[in-house]
Amino acid sequence: MILTLTHYFLAFTLAVGVAVGAAIVEFPALRDSNLPSYLLILIGLAAFDVLCYWRSGGAPGGMVSMPVRFAGFGLALLAMLAVTSWAGVDAKLM
């Protein structure tokens, strides 16, 4: 099986969701701050996009498509909510 950029992106979004969920559980100040938790996920996904753009030199086909980005964002949100609910912590999305 050949791993494409889409596979790497979805694995990365899963890792970002778990990492943000673990950070929310470990650091209660993140829960009480005005920074929404989904923004932390978007920062991680933006870092992946910047790295893809830099790696491909802006060539067509070097970026992830928009439907995959939406699916990855949903996957990261679900992973974050799964980690926080498993730990018994209430995570606010807004």
N, C-alpha and C. Protein backbone atom coordinates (compact mmCIF):
# COMPACT_ATOMS: atom_id res chain seq x y z
N MET A 1 0.84 -1.18 0.00
CA MET A 1 0.00 0.00 0.00
C MET A 1 0.89 1.24 0.00
N ILE A 2 0.63 2.11 -0.92
CA ILE A 2 1.40 3.34 -1.01
C ILE A 2 0.69 4.42 -0.19
N LEU A 3 1.42 5.02 0.72
CA LEU A 3 0.85 6.09 1.53
C LEU A 3 0.94 7.40 0.77
N THR A 4 -0.20 8.04 0.64
CA THR A 4 -0.25 9.33 -0.05
C THR A 4 -0.25 10.45 0.98
N LEU A 5 -0.23 11.66 0.48
CA LEU A 5 -0.25 12.83 1.36
C LEU A 5 -1.54 12.86 2.19
N THR A 6 -2.62 12.35 1.63
CA THR A 6 -3.89 12.29 2.35
C THR A 6 -3.78 11.40 3.58
N HIS A 7 -3.14 10.26 3.43
CA HIS A 7 -2.96 9.35 4.57
C HIS A 7 -2.11 10.01 5.66
N TYR A 8 -1.04 10.65 5.26
CA TYR A 8 -0.19 11.34 6.24
C TYR A 8 -0.97 12.46 6.94
N PHE A 9 -1.78 13.18 6.19
CA PHE A 9 -2.55 14.27 6.77
C PHE A 9 -3.55 13.75 7.79
N LEU A 10 -4.26 12.69 7.46
CA LEU A 10 -5.25 12.14 8.39
C LEU A 10 -4.59 11.58 9.64
N ALA A 11 -3.44 10.94 9.49
CA ALA A 11 -2.71 10.46 10.67
C ALA A 11 -2.23 11.64 11.52
N PHE A 12 -1.78 12.70 10.86
CA PHE A 12 -1.33 13.88 11.59
C PHE A 12 -2.49 14.54 12.33
N THR A 13 -3.67 14.61 11.70
CA THR A 13 -4.81 15.22 12.38
C THR A 13 -5.24 14.40 13.59
N LEU A 14 -5.16 13.10 13.48
CA LEU A 14 -5.47 12.25 14.63
C LEU A 14 -4.49 12.52 15.76
N ALA A 15 -3.21 12.64 15.44
CA ALA A 15 -2.20 12.93 16.45
C ALA A 15 -2.40 14.31 17.07
N VAL A 16 -2.77 15.29 16.25
CA VAL A 16 -3.02 16.64 16.77
C VAL A 16 -4.23 16.63 17.71
N GLY A 17 -5.28 15.93 17.35
CA GLY A 17 -6.46 15.84 18.20
C GLY A 17 -6.16 15.20 19.54
N VAL A 18 -5.39 14.12 19.52
CA VAL A 18 -5.01 13.46 20.77
C VAL A 18 -4.11 14.37 21.61
N ALA A 19 -3.18 15.07 20.96
CA ALA A 19 -2.27 15.96 21.69
C ALA A 19 -3.01 17.14 22.31
N VAL A 20 -3.95 17.72 21.59
CA VAL A 20 -4.72 18.83 22.14
C VAL A 20 -5.61 18.34 23.28
N GLY A 21 -6.22 17.18 23.12
CA GLY A 21 -7.02 16.61 24.20
C GLY A 21 -6.19 16.33 25.44
N ALA A 22 -4.99 15.79 25.26
CA ALA A 22 -4.11 15.54 26.40
C ALA A 22 -3.67 16.84 27.06
N ALA A 23 -3.43 17.87 26.26
CA ALA A 23 -3.03 19.16 26.82
C ALA A 23 -4.17 19.78 27.62
N ILE A 24 -5.40 19.63 27.15
CA ILE A 24 -6.56 20.15 27.88
C ILE A 24 -6.73 19.41 29.20
N VAL A 25 -6.50 18.11 29.19
CA VAL A 25 -6.62 17.33 30.42
C VAL A 25 -5.50 17.70 31.40
N GLU A 26 -4.29 17.85 30.90
CA GLU A 26 -3.12 18.08 31.76
C GLU A 26 -3.05 19.50 32.29
N PHE A 27 -3.44 20.47 31.49
CA PHE A 27 -3.31 21.88 31.88
C PHE A 27 -4.71 22.51 31.99
N PRO A 28 -5.25 22.60 33.20
CA PRO A 28 -6.60 23.16 33.37
C PRO A 28 -6.71 24.62 32.92
N ALA A 29 -5.60 25.34 32.86
CA ALA A 29 -5.66 26.73 32.41
C ALA A 29 -6.12 26.84 30.96
N LEU A 30 -5.87 25.81 30.16
CA LEU A 30 -6.34 25.82 28.77
C LEU A 30 -7.86 25.75 28.69
N ARG A 31 -8.47 25.04 29.64
CA ARG A 31 -9.93 24.95 29.66
C ARG A 31 -10.56 26.28 30.03
N ASP A 32 -9.91 27.01 30.93
CA ASP A 32 -10.48 28.25 31.44
C ASP A 32 -10.10 29.48 30.62
N SER A 33 -9.24 29.32 29.63
CA SER A 33 -8.80 30.47 28.84
C SER A 33 -9.86 30.85 27.81
N ASN A 34 -9.67 32.01 27.22
CA ASN A 34 -10.60 32.47 26.18
C ASN A 34 -10.29 31.88 24.82
N LEU A 35 -9.21 31.13 24.72
CA LEU A 35 -8.80 30.51 23.46
C LEU A 35 -9.62 29.24 23.24
N PRO A 36 -10.43 29.17 22.18
CA PRO A 36 -11.21 27.95 21.95
C PRO A 36 -10.30 26.78 21.57
N SER A 37 -10.70 25.61 21.99
CA SER A 37 -9.85 24.43 21.78
C SER A 37 -9.72 24.07 20.30
N TYR A 38 -10.75 24.36 19.51
CA TYR A 38 -10.64 24.04 18.09
C TYR A 38 -9.60 24.90 17.39
N LEU A 39 -9.30 26.07 17.96
CA LEU A 39 -8.27 26.93 17.37
C LEU A 39 -6.89 26.29 17.49
N LEU A 40 -6.66 25.56 18.58
CA LEU A 40 -5.39 24.85 18.72
C LEU A 40 -5.24 23.78 17.64
N ILE A 41 -6.34 23.13 17.30
CA ILE A 41 -6.31 22.13 16.24
C ILE A 41 -6.03 22.80 14.90
N LEU A 42 -6.67 23.93 14.65
CA LEU A 42 -6.46 24.64 13.39
C LEU A 42 -5.02 25.12 13.24
N ILE A 43 -4.38 25.49 14.34
CA ILE A 43 -2.97 25.90 14.29
C ILE A 43 -2.11 24.72 13.85
N GLY A 44 -2.38 23.54 14.39
CA GLY A 44 -1.64 22.35 13.98
C GLY A 44 -1.85 22.00 12.51
N LEU A 45 -3.08 22.13 12.04
CA LEU A 45 -3.36 21.83 10.64
C LEU A 45 -2.74 22.87 9.71
N ALA A 46 -2.70 24.11 10.15
CA ALA A 46 -2.04 25.15 9.35
C ALA A 46 -0.55 24.89 9.24
N ALA A 47 0.05 24.38 10.31
CA ALA A 47 1.48 24.04 10.26
C ALA A 47 1.74 22.95 9.23
N PHE A 48 0.85 21.96 9.14
CA PHE A 48 1.00 20.91 8.13
C PHE A 48 0.88 21.49 6.73
N ASP A 49 -0.07 22.39 6.53
CA ASP A 49 -0.25 23.02 5.21
C ASP A 49 0.97 23.84 4.81
N VAL A 50 1.52 24.58 5.75
CA VAL A 50 2.71 25.38 5.45
C VAL A 50 3.87 24.46 5.07
N LEU A 51 4.02 23.37 5.79
CA LEU A 51 5.09 22.42 5.48
C LEU A 51 4.89 21.79 4.10
N CYS A 52 3.66 21.45 3.75
CA CYS A 52 3.38 20.88 2.42
C CYS A 52 3.65 21.89 1.32
N TYR A 53 3.27 23.13 1.54
CA TYR A 53 3.51 24.16 0.53
C TYR A 53 5.01 24.39 0.35
N TRP A 54 5.73 24.41 1.45
CA TRP A 54 7.18 24.62 1.38
C TRP A 54 7.87 23.44 0.70
N ARG A 55 7.42 22.22 1.01
CA ARG A 55 8.03 21.02 0.45
C ARG A 55 7.80 20.90 -1.05
N SER A 56 6.59 21.27 -1.50
CA SER A 56 6.28 21.12 -2.93
C SER A 56 6.64 22.36 -3.73
N GLY A 57 7.00 23.42 -3.08
CA GLY A 57 7.33 24.65 -3.79
C GLY A 57 6.11 25.30 -4.43
N GLY A 58 4.93 25.00 -3.91
CA GLY A 58 3.70 25.57 -4.44
C GLY A 58 3.20 24.90 -5.70
N ALA A 59 3.77 23.77 -6.06
CA ALA A 59 3.35 23.06 -7.27
C ALA A 59 1.95 22.47 -7.10
N PRO A 60 1.19 22.36 -8.19
CA PRO A 60 -0.13 21.75 -8.10
C PRO A 60 -0.02 20.29 -7.65
N GLY A 61 -0.95 19.88 -6.82
CA GLY A 61 -0.95 18.51 -6.32
C GLY A 61 -0.10 18.33 -5.08
N GLY A 62 0.53 19.37 -4.62
CA GLY A 62 1.37 19.27 -3.44
C GLY A 62 0.66 19.60 -2.15
N MET A 63 -0.63 19.91 -2.26
CA MET A 63 -1.41 20.27 -1.08
C MET A 63 -2.56 19.28 -0.90
N VAL A 64 -3.15 19.30 0.27
CA VAL A 64 -4.27 18.42 0.58
C VAL A 64 -5.55 19.10 0.09
N SER A 65 -6.49 18.31 -0.42
CA SER A 65 -7.74 18.89 -0.95
C SER A 65 -8.64 19.35 0.20
N MET A 66 -9.57 20.22 -0.12
CA MET A 66 -10.45 20.80 0.90
C MET A 66 -11.36 19.77 1.57
N PRO A 67 -11.97 18.81 0.86
CA PRO A 67 -12.78 17.81 1.57
C PRO A 67 -11.96 16.99 2.57
N VAL A 68 -10.72 16.71 2.23
CA VAL A 68 -9.86 15.96 3.16
C VAL A 68 -9.53 16.83 4.37
N ARG A 69 -9.37 18.12 4.17
CA ARG A 69 -9.12 19.03 5.30
C ARG A 69 -10.31 19.04 6.25
N PHE A 70 -11.52 19.10 5.70
CA PHE A 70 -12.71 19.07 6.55
C PHE A 70 -12.81 17.75 7.31
N ALA A 71 -12.55 16.64 6.63
CA ALA A 71 -12.58 15.34 7.28
C ALA A 71 -11.52 15.24 8.36
N GLY A 72 -10.34 15.77 8.09
CA GLY A 72 -9.27 15.75 9.09
C GLY A 72 -9.60 16.61 10.29
N PHE A 73 -10.22 17.76 10.06
CA PHE A 73 -10.61 18.62 11.17
C PHE A 73 -11.66 17.93 12.04
N GLY A 74 -12.63 17.27 11.40
CA GLY A 74 -13.62 16.51 12.16
C GLY A 74 -13.00 15.36 12.93
N LEU A 75 -12.04 14.68 12.31
CA LEU A 75 -11.34 13.58 12.99
C LEU A 75 -10.57 14.09 14.20
N ALA A 76 -9.92 15.24 14.05
CA ALA A 76 -9.16 15.81 15.16
C ALA A 76 -10.09 16.24 16.29
N LEU A 77 -11.24 16.82 15.94
CA LEU A 77 -12.21 17.21 16.98
C LEU A 77 -12.73 15.98 17.72
N LEU A 78 -13.05 14.93 16.98
CA LEU A 78 -13.54 13.71 17.63
C LEU A 78 -12.47 13.09 18.53
N ALA A 79 -11.22 13.10 18.09
CA ALA A 79 -10.14 12.56 18.91
C ALA A 79 -9.96 13.38 20.17
N MET A 80 -10.03 14.71 20.05
CA MET A 80 -9.89 15.57 21.22
C MET A 80 -11.03 15.34 22.20
N LEU A 81 -12.26 15.26 21.69
CA LEU A 81 -13.40 15.03 22.57
C LEU A 81 -13.36 13.64 23.20
N ALA A 82 -12.84 12.65 22.47
CA ALA A 82 -12.73 11.30 23.03
C ALA A 82 -11.73 11.28 24.18
N VAL A 83 -10.60 11.95 24.01
CA VAL A 83 -9.59 11.98 25.08
C VAL A 83 -10.11 12.70 26.30
N THR A 84 -10.75 13.86 26.10
CA THR A 84 -11.24 14.62 27.25
C THR A 84 -12.40 13.93 27.94
N SER A 85 -13.29 13.30 27.20
CA SER A 85 -14.39 12.59 27.85
C SER A 85 -13.91 11.32 28.54
N TRP A 86 -12.90 10.67 27.98
CA TRP A 86 -12.33 9.49 28.63
C TRP A 86 -11.69 9.87 29.96
N ALA A 87 -11.09 11.07 30.02
CA ALA A 87 -10.46 11.53 31.26
C ALA A 87 -11.46 12.16 32.22
N GLY A 88 -12.69 12.36 31.78
CA GLY A 88 -13.71 12.93 32.65
C GLY A 88 -13.62 14.44 32.76
N VAL A 89 -13.06 15.08 31.75
CA VAL A 89 -12.89 16.53 31.75
C VAL A 89 -13.86 17.12 30.73
N ASP A 90 -14.47 18.24 31.10
CA ASP A 90 -15.39 18.91 30.18
C ASP A 90 -14.60 19.87 29.30
N ALA A 91 -14.58 19.61 28.01
CA ALA A 91 -13.86 20.47 27.06
C ALA A 91 -14.87 21.32 26.31
N LYS A 92 -14.65 22.63 26.35
CA LYS A 92 -15.55 23.52 25.63
C LYS A 92 -15.02 23.73 24.21
N LEU A 93 -15.92 23.73 23.26
CA LEU A 93 -15.52 23.95 21.88
C LEU A 93 -15.55 25.42 21.51
N MET A 94 -16.33 26.19 22.18
CA MET A 94 -16.41 27.63 21.89
C MET A 94 -15.99 28.43 23.09
